[in-house]
Amino acid sequence: MHEKIREGFDVFLHDGEKSFGAVRQVRKTELVVYVENSGDFEIPFSAIKDAEAEKVILDSSKIDPKLKEAIRRAHSGEDPRIP
């Protein structure tokens, strides 16, 4: 599945939600993902649930707690009045 992933793909925890970041690099065993308001995180391929249509969906049970916190804060600086 990781062969389909390219730089620039949006990254999500659940399909249909707002993306929290984007793929910066595809390495041999992991992705480097930029998370808004938090910077880059290395995510092992084992944490990827699906990848298609320029989207990567992660398995929340397989990601690091620091990444979970960064995802929670990803959109905290946005104006809530703007959809």
N, C-alpha and C. Protein backbone atom coordinates (compact mmCIF):
# COMPACT_ATOMS: atom_id res chain seq x y z
N MET A 1 0.82 -1.20 0.00
CA MET A 1 0.00 0.00 0.00
C MET A 1 0.87 1.26 0.00
N HIS A 2 1.99 1.24 0.69
CA HIS A 2 2.82 2.44 0.79
C HIS A 2 3.39 2.88 -0.56
N GLU A 3 3.41 1.98 -1.53
CA GLU A 3 3.91 2.34 -2.85
C GLU A 3 3.03 3.39 -3.52
N LYS A 4 1.76 3.47 -3.12
CA LYS A 4 0.82 4.42 -3.72
C LYS A 4 0.94 5.81 -3.10
N ILE A 5 1.58 5.92 -1.96
CA ILE A 5 1.62 7.18 -1.22
C ILE A 5 2.70 8.09 -1.80
N ARG A 6 2.35 9.36 -1.95
CA ARG A 6 3.26 10.37 -2.49
C ARG A 6 3.31 11.59 -1.58
N GLU A 7 4.39 12.35 -1.72
CA GLU A 7 4.50 13.62 -1.00
C GLU A 7 3.31 14.50 -1.35
N GLY A 8 2.80 15.19 -0.35
CA GLY A 8 1.68 16.09 -0.57
C GLY A 8 0.32 15.48 -0.27
N PHE A 9 0.23 14.16 -0.13
CA PHE A 9 -1.05 13.55 0.22
C PHE A 9 -1.52 14.09 1.57
N ASP A 10 -2.82 14.33 1.71
CA ASP A 10 -3.38 14.75 2.99
C ASP A 10 -3.47 13.54 3.92
N VAL A 11 -3.38 13.82 5.24
CA VAL A 11 -3.39 12.75 6.23
C VAL A 11 -4.56 12.96 7.19
N PHE A 12 -5.27 11.87 7.48
CA PHE A 12 -6.49 11.88 8.29
C PHE A 12 -6.45 10.76 9.33
N LEU A 13 -7.28 10.91 10.37
CA LEU A 13 -7.54 9.78 11.26
C LEU A 13 -8.77 9.02 10.78
N HIS A 14 -9.74 9.73 10.22
CA HIS A 14 -10.96 9.11 9.71
C HIS A 14 -11.33 9.77 8.39
N ASP A 15 -11.74 8.97 7.43
CA ASP A 15 -12.17 9.51 6.15
C ASP A 15 -13.40 10.39 6.38
N GLY A 16 -13.43 11.50 5.71
CA GLY A 16 -14.55 12.43 5.85
C GLY A 16 -14.30 13.53 6.86
N GLU A 17 -13.26 13.40 7.67
CA GLU A 17 -12.90 14.45 8.61
C GLU A 17 -11.94 15.42 7.94
N LYS A 18 -11.64 16.50 8.63
CA LYS A 18 -10.67 17.47 8.15
C LYS A 18 -9.26 16.89 8.28
N SER A 19 -8.42 17.10 7.28
CA SER A 19 -7.05 16.58 7.38
C SER A 19 -6.29 17.37 8.45
N PHE A 20 -5.34 16.70 9.07
CA PHE A 20 -4.54 17.37 10.10
C PHE A 20 -3.12 17.63 9.63
N GLY A 21 -2.76 17.11 8.46
CA GLY A 21 -1.41 17.31 7.98
C GLY A 21 -1.22 16.76 6.58
N ALA A 22 0.06 16.69 6.18
CA ALA A 22 0.39 16.23 4.83
C ALA A 22 1.70 15.44 4.84
N VAL A 23 1.79 14.51 3.91
CA VAL A 23 3.00 13.70 3.77
C VAL A 23 4.13 14.59 3.25
N ARG A 24 5.27 14.57 3.95
CA ARG A 24 6.45 15.31 3.51
C ARG A 24 7.44 14.41 2.79
N GLN A 25 7.55 13.16 3.31
CA GLN A 25 8.51 12.20 2.74
C GLN A 25 7.94 10.80 2.86
N VAL A 26 8.29 9.97 1.88
CA VAL A 26 7.99 8.55 1.97
C VAL A 26 9.34 7.84 2.06
N ARG A 27 9.57 7.17 3.18
CA ARG A 27 10.83 6.46 3.39
C ARG A 27 10.62 4.96 3.24
N LYS A 28 11.64 4.18 3.50
CA LYS A 28 11.54 2.73 3.33
C LYS A 28 10.53 2.09 4.28
N THR A 29 10.45 2.56 5.52
CA THR A 29 9.58 1.91 6.51
C THR A 29 8.60 2.87 7.18
N GLU A 30 8.63 4.14 6.76
CA GLU A 30 7.79 5.12 7.44
C GLU A 30 7.49 6.32 6.55
N LEU A 31 6.54 7.10 7.02
CA LEU A 31 6.23 8.39 6.40
C LEU A 31 6.71 9.50 7.33
N VAL A 32 7.08 10.63 6.76
CA VAL A 32 7.29 11.84 7.53
C VAL A 32 6.09 12.71 7.20
N VAL A 33 5.34 13.06 8.24
CA VAL A 33 4.10 13.82 8.06
C VAL A 33 4.22 15.13 8.81
N TYR A 34 3.91 16.23 8.13
CA TYR A 34 3.85 17.53 8.77
C TYR A 34 2.45 17.67 9.37
N VAL A 35 2.40 17.93 10.68
CA VAL A 35 1.14 18.14 11.38
C VAL A 35 1.02 19.63 11.66
N GLU A 36 -0.09 20.22 11.24
CA GLU A 36 -0.29 21.65 11.44
C GLU A 36 -0.10 22.03 12.91
N ASN A 37 0.61 23.12 13.15
CA ASN A 37 0.89 23.66 14.48
C ASN A 37 1.84 22.81 15.33
N SER A 38 2.42 21.73 14.77
CA SER A 38 3.29 20.87 15.58
C SER A 38 4.57 20.42 14.90
N GLY A 39 4.65 20.46 13.58
CA GLY A 39 5.86 20.05 12.90
C GLY A 39 5.80 18.64 12.34
N ASP A 40 6.99 18.06 12.09
CA ASP A 40 7.10 16.76 11.44
C ASP A 40 7.07 15.61 12.44
N PHE A 41 6.42 14.51 12.01
CA PHE A 41 6.36 13.28 12.79
C PHE A 41 6.66 12.11 11.87
N GLU A 42 7.37 11.12 12.40
CA GLU A 42 7.65 9.89 11.67
C GLU A 42 6.57 8.88 12.04
N ILE A 43 5.92 8.32 11.02
CA ILE A 43 4.81 7.39 11.24
C ILE A 43 5.12 6.09 10.51
N PRO A 44 5.20 4.97 11.24
CA PRO A 44 5.51 3.69 10.59
C PRO A 44 4.37 3.26 9.66
N PHE A 45 4.73 2.53 8.61
CA PHE A 45 3.71 2.04 7.68
C PHE A 45 2.67 1.18 8.39
N SER A 46 3.04 0.54 9.48
CA SER A 46 2.10 -0.32 10.22
C SER A 46 0.93 0.48 10.79
N ALA A 47 1.06 1.80 10.90
CA ALA A 47 -0.01 2.65 11.43
C ALA A 47 -0.95 3.17 10.35
N ILE A 48 -0.71 2.78 9.09
CA ILE A 48 -1.56 3.24 7.99
C ILE A 48 -2.70 2.25 7.80
N LYS A 49 -3.91 2.77 7.86
CA LYS A 49 -5.11 1.94 7.66
C LYS A 49 -5.46 1.85 6.18
N ASP A 50 -5.33 2.98 5.46
CA ASP A 50 -5.70 3.00 4.05
C ASP A 50 -4.98 4.16 3.36
N ALA A 51 -4.82 4.04 2.05
CA ALA A 51 -4.23 5.11 1.24
C ALA A 51 -4.82 5.04 -0.15
N GLU A 52 -5.58 6.08 -0.51
CA GLU A 52 -6.16 6.16 -1.85
C GLU A 52 -6.66 7.58 -2.08
N ALA A 53 -6.85 7.93 -3.33
CA ALA A 53 -7.39 9.24 -3.72
C ALA A 53 -6.62 10.40 -3.07
N GLU A 54 -5.30 10.26 -3.04
CA GLU A 54 -4.41 11.28 -2.46
C GLU A 54 -4.68 11.55 -0.99
N LYS A 55 -5.14 10.50 -0.28
CA LYS A 55 -5.39 10.57 1.15
C LYS A 55 -4.73 9.39 1.85
N VAL A 56 -4.19 9.66 3.05
CA VAL A 56 -3.66 8.61 3.90
C VAL A 56 -4.50 8.63 5.17
N ILE A 57 -5.02 7.45 5.55
CA ILE A 57 -5.82 7.35 6.76
C ILE A 57 -5.07 6.47 7.74
N LEU A 58 -4.88 7.00 8.95
CA LEU A 58 -4.11 6.29 9.98
C LEU A 58 -5.02 5.50 10.91
N ASP A 59 -4.44 4.50 11.54
CA ASP A 59 -5.11 3.71 12.57
C ASP A 59 -4.75 4.34 13.90
N SER A 60 -5.70 4.99 14.54
CA SER A 60 -5.40 5.74 15.77
C SER A 60 -4.88 4.86 16.90
N SER A 61 -5.17 3.57 16.86
CA SER A 61 -4.68 2.67 17.92
C SER A 61 -3.20 2.34 17.75
N LYS A 62 -2.62 2.73 16.61
CA LYS A 62 -1.22 2.38 16.33
C LYS A 62 -0.29 3.59 16.24
N ILE A 63 -0.77 4.76 16.68
CA ILE A 63 0.09 5.94 16.61
C ILE A 63 0.52 6.38 18.01
N ASP A 64 1.62 7.07 18.05
CA ASP A 64 2.24 7.54 19.28
C ASP A 64 1.34 8.57 20.01
N PRO A 65 1.31 8.54 21.33
CA PRO A 65 0.51 9.53 22.08
C PRO A 65 0.89 10.99 21.77
N LYS A 66 2.16 11.25 21.50
CA LYS A 66 2.57 12.62 21.15
C LYS A 66 1.93 13.06 19.83
N LEU A 67 1.83 12.13 18.89
CA LEU A 67 1.17 12.43 17.62
C LEU A 67 -0.32 12.66 17.84
N LYS A 68 -0.95 11.86 18.69
CA LYS A 68 -2.37 12.04 18.98
C LYS A 68 -2.63 13.44 19.54
N GLU A 69 -1.76 13.90 20.43
CA GLU A 69 -1.91 15.23 21.01
C GLU A 69 -1.72 16.30 19.93
N ALA A 70 -0.75 16.11 19.07
CA ALA A 70 -0.51 17.07 17.98
C ALA A 70 -1.72 17.14 17.06
N ILE A 71 -2.33 15.99 16.76
CA ILE A 71 -3.52 15.96 15.91
C ILE A 71 -4.66 16.73 16.58
N ARG A 72 -4.80 16.54 17.87
CA ARG A 72 -5.85 17.23 18.61
C ARG A 72 -5.70 18.74 18.52
N ARG A 73 -4.44 19.22 18.49
CA ARG A 73 -4.16 20.66 18.44
C ARG A 73 -4.03 21.20 17.02
N ALA A 74 -4.09 20.36 16.01
CA ALA A 74 -3.77 20.76 14.64
C ALA A 74 -4.56 21.96 14.14
N HIS A 75 -5.80 22.09 14.51
CA HIS A 75 -6.62 23.18 13.99
C HIS A 75 -6.97 24.20 15.07
N SER A 76 -6.26 24.16 16.18
CA SER A 76 -6.59 25.03 17.31
C SER A 76 -6.39 26.51 17.01
N GLY A 77 -5.52 26.85 16.07
CA GLY A 77 -5.26 28.25 15.76
C GLY A 77 -6.20 28.83 14.71
N GLU A 78 -7.12 28.02 14.21
CA GLU A 78 -8.01 28.49 13.15
C GLU A 78 -9.20 29.24 13.72
N ASP A 79 -9.72 30.13 12.94
CA ASP A 79 -10.92 30.88 13.31
C ASP A 79 -12.12 29.94 13.18
N PRO A 80 -12.84 29.65 14.27
CA PRO A 80 -13.95 28.68 14.21
C PRO A 80 -15.12 29.17 13.35
N ARG A 81 -15.15 30.44 13.01
CA ARG A 81 -16.24 30.97 12.18
C ARG A 81 -16.03 30.68 10.70
N ILE A 82 -14.81 30.22 10.34
CA ILE A 82 -14.51 29.91 8.95
C ILE A 82 -14.62 28.40 8.75
N PRO A 83 -15.50 27.95 7.86
CA PRO A 83 -15.69 26.50 7.67
C PRO A 83 -14.50 25.85 7.01
